[in-house]
Amino acid sequence: MTATQIVLLPLSQWTENHLTAIFQATTASALETALDAFLSKDAVITVNGCTISRTEFTNLLRGEKFDETHASVSFAGAVEAPADPQNPVLAGSVGVFLTAIVDEAIIIRDVPVQEQTTASINVVIEQDASLDRRRVTVLNE
C-alpha cells in the first residue's frame, strides 16, 4: 500500500483560490464557507485604512454581492514572502492585485448588469488547527 501525500499549494495560489471562491459565492452560506476557509476567526481586517471586525467584513461583502449570479476573477500579479524559506507553503505574506467582474440578476436590454471591482489585497497567512492549517490572520484591502 502506498501513502498519498497531500501537496500544499504555494501561498500565492492558495490566496488566489480562496479569494476567487469568495467572489464567486452566490449564496450567504457559500460566502460564509469561503470566508471560514480563508480567514482566521480573529483576523485583523483593514479596508480602505479602517480596521473592521470579521462580522463587519462579512456584512460588507454580503452588501456588495447583492443579487449576484456569476463572477469572474483575474489576477494581474502576486508577490509572496514565506515566513520560513525551508517550508515556504506553510506561512508568510502575500500581496495580490485582482479584478473581479460580477454579473447581477438585474437584466437591462437582455444583458446582465455588471459590477467591476479592482483591488490590491495583502494578507498574512499563519497556521491554525484546521485540516488545511493555513488561515489569514491579517488582511489589508
Protein backbone atom coordinates (compact mmCIF):
# COMPACT_ATOMS: atom_id res chain seq x y z
CA MET A 1 0.00 0.00 0.00
CA THR A 2 1.37 3.40 -0.91
CA ALA A 3 0.89 6.51 1.14
CA THR A 4 -0.67 9.52 -0.50
CA GLN A 5 0.94 12.80 0.38
CA ILE A 6 -1.05 15.98 0.49
CA VAL A 7 0.61 18.62 -1.65
CA LEU A 8 0.03 22.13 -0.35
CA LEU A 9 -0.34 24.91 -2.89
CA PRO A 10 2.11 27.82 -2.85
CA LEU A 11 0.83 30.68 -0.68
CA SER A 12 0.01 32.95 -3.64
CA GLN A 13 -2.02 30.24 -5.39
CA TRP A 14 -3.78 29.36 -2.11
CA THR A 15 -4.68 33.05 -1.67
CA GLU A 16 -5.92 33.42 -5.25
CA ASN A 17 -8.06 30.27 -4.99
CA HIS A 18 -9.70 31.42 -1.76
CA LEU A 19 -10.33 34.98 -2.99
CA THR A 20 -11.90 33.55 -6.15
CA ALA A 21 -14.18 31.35 -4.03
CA ILE A 22 -15.25 34.41 -2.01
CA PHE A 23 -16.06 36.46 -5.12
CA GLN A 24 -17.86 33.55 -6.79
CA ALA A 25 -20.05 32.69 -3.77
CA THR A 26 -23.66 33.36 -4.78
CA THR A 27 -25.40 32.43 -1.51
CA ALA A 28 -24.91 33.58 2.08
CA SER A 29 -23.91 30.07 3.14
CA ALA A 30 -21.37 29.72 0.29
CA LEU A 31 -19.88 33.08 1.26
CA GLU A 32 -19.65 32.04 4.92
CA THR A 33 -17.99 28.74 3.95
CA ALA A 34 -15.49 30.54 1.70
CA LEU A 35 -14.65 33.07 4.43
CA ASP A 36 -14.27 30.34 7.08
CA ALA A 37 -11.78 28.52 4.84
CA PHE A 38 -9.79 31.71 4.30
CA LEU A 39 -9.91 33.90 7.41
CA SER A 40 -8.86 33.15 10.96
CA LYS A 41 -11.64 33.73 13.49
CA ASP A 42 -9.51 36.54 14.99
CA ALA A 43 -8.24 38.07 11.73
CA VAL A 44 -7.26 41.74 11.80
CA ILE A 45 -9.02 43.26 8.77
CA THR A 46 -8.33 46.70 7.30
CA VAL A 47 -10.44 48.05 4.43
CA ASN A 48 -9.53 51.44 2.94
CA GLY A 49 -7.46 52.30 6.02
CA CYS A 50 -10.17 51.43 8.58
CA THR A 51 -9.90 48.40 10.84
CA ILE A 52 -13.15 46.42 10.90
CA SER A 53 -14.30 43.21 12.58
CA ARG A 54 -14.72 39.95 10.72
CA THR A 55 -18.51 40.32 11.10
CA GLU A 56 -18.37 43.82 9.60
CA PHE A 57 -16.23 42.49 6.74
CA THR A 58 -18.71 39.67 6.11
CA ASN A 59 -21.60 42.14 6.09
CA LEU A 60 -19.68 44.44 3.74
CA LEU A 61 -19.15 41.56 1.30
CA ARG A 62 -22.79 40.49 1.57
CA GLY A 63 -23.86 44.02 0.67
CA GLU A 64 -21.55 44.09 -2.34
CA LYS A 65 -22.81 40.70 -3.52
CA PHE A 66 -26.46 41.74 -3.78
CA ASP A 67 -28.26 39.60 -6.38
CA GLU A 68 -25.04 38.15 -7.85
CA THR A 69 -25.38 35.35 -10.40
CA HIS A 70 -21.78 34.89 -11.55
CA ALA A 71 -18.31 36.34 -11.08
CA SER A 72 -15.04 36.06 -12.94
CA VAL A 73 -11.81 36.93 -11.18
CA SER A 74 -8.45 37.63 -12.79
CA PHE A 75 -5.15 38.29 -11.07
CA ALA A 76 -2.69 40.74 -12.62
CA GLY A 77 0.08 39.79 -10.22
CA ALA A 78 1.06 38.24 -6.93
CA VAL A 79 4.01 38.53 -4.59
CA GLU A 80 4.74 36.16 -1.73
CA ALA A 81 7.26 36.17 1.09
CA PRO A 82 7.37 32.87 3.02
CA ALA A 83 7.85 33.14 6.78
CA ASP A 84 10.26 30.18 6.62
CA PRO A 85 12.21 29.63 3.38
CA GLN A 86 12.65 25.96 4.36
CA ASN A 87 8.84 25.48 4.47
CA PRO A 88 7.58 28.12 2.02
CA VAL A 89 4.00 26.80 1.73
CA LEU A 90 3.11 26.90 5.44
CA ALA A 91 3.01 30.59 6.34
CA GLY A 92 4.01 34.01 5.09
CA SER A 93 2.80 37.19 3.45
CA VAL A 94 1.08 37.50 0.07
CA GLY A 95 0.04 40.51 -1.98
CA VAL A 96 -2.28 40.17 -4.98
CA PHE A 97 -3.79 42.59 -7.47
CA LEU A 98 -7.15 41.46 -8.83
CA THR A 99 -10.08 42.45 -10.96
CA ALA A 100 -13.48 40.84 -10.41
CA ILE A 101 -16.39 41.24 -12.80
CA VAL A 102 -19.69 40.35 -11.16
CA ASP A 103 -22.89 39.67 -13.10
CA GLU A 104 -26.06 40.58 -11.26
CA ALA A 105 -29.54 39.15 -11.79
CA ILE A 106 -30.72 42.56 -12.98
CA ILE A 107 -31.17 42.45 -16.75
CA ILE A 108 -31.27 45.58 -18.91
CA ARG A 109 -31.85 45.09 -22.64
CA ASP A 110 -31.10 41.37 -22.37
CA VAL A 111 -27.72 42.00 -20.72
CA PRO A 112 -26.95 41.48 -17.02
CA VAL A 113 -25.78 44.48 -15.04
CA GLN A 114 -22.08 44.08 -14.25
CA GLU A 115 -20.04 45.47 -11.38
CA GLN A 116 -16.26 45.61 -11.61
CA THR A 117 -14.02 45.57 -8.57
CA THR A 118 -10.29 46.22 -8.75
CA ALA A 119 -8.36 45.64 -5.56
CA SER A 120 -4.93 45.22 -4.07
CA ILE A 121 -5.12 42.76 -1.19
CA ASN A 122 -2.31 41.92 1.22
CA VAL A 123 -2.59 39.04 3.66
CA VAL A 124 -0.52 37.39 6.37
CA ILE A 125 -1.05 33.63 6.47
CA GLU A 126 -0.34 31.65 9.63
CA GLN A 127 -1.03 28.12 10.83
CA ASP A 128 -4.20 27.20 12.72
CA ALA A 129 -5.71 23.92 13.95
CA SER A 130 -7.85 23.01 10.90
CA LEU A 131 -7.20 20.32 8.27
CA ASP A 132 -5.51 22.83 5.95
CA ARG A 133 -3.83 24.67 8.79
CA ARG A 134 -3.33 27.91 6.86
CA ARG A 135 -5.59 30.88 7.63
CA VAL A 136 -5.31 34.62 7.02
CA THR A 137 -4.63 36.46 10.27
CA VAL A 138 -4.18 39.92 8.71
CA LEU A 139 -6.00 41.23 5.62
CA ASN A 140 -5.45 44.70 4.17
CA GLU A 141 -7.51 45.83 1.18
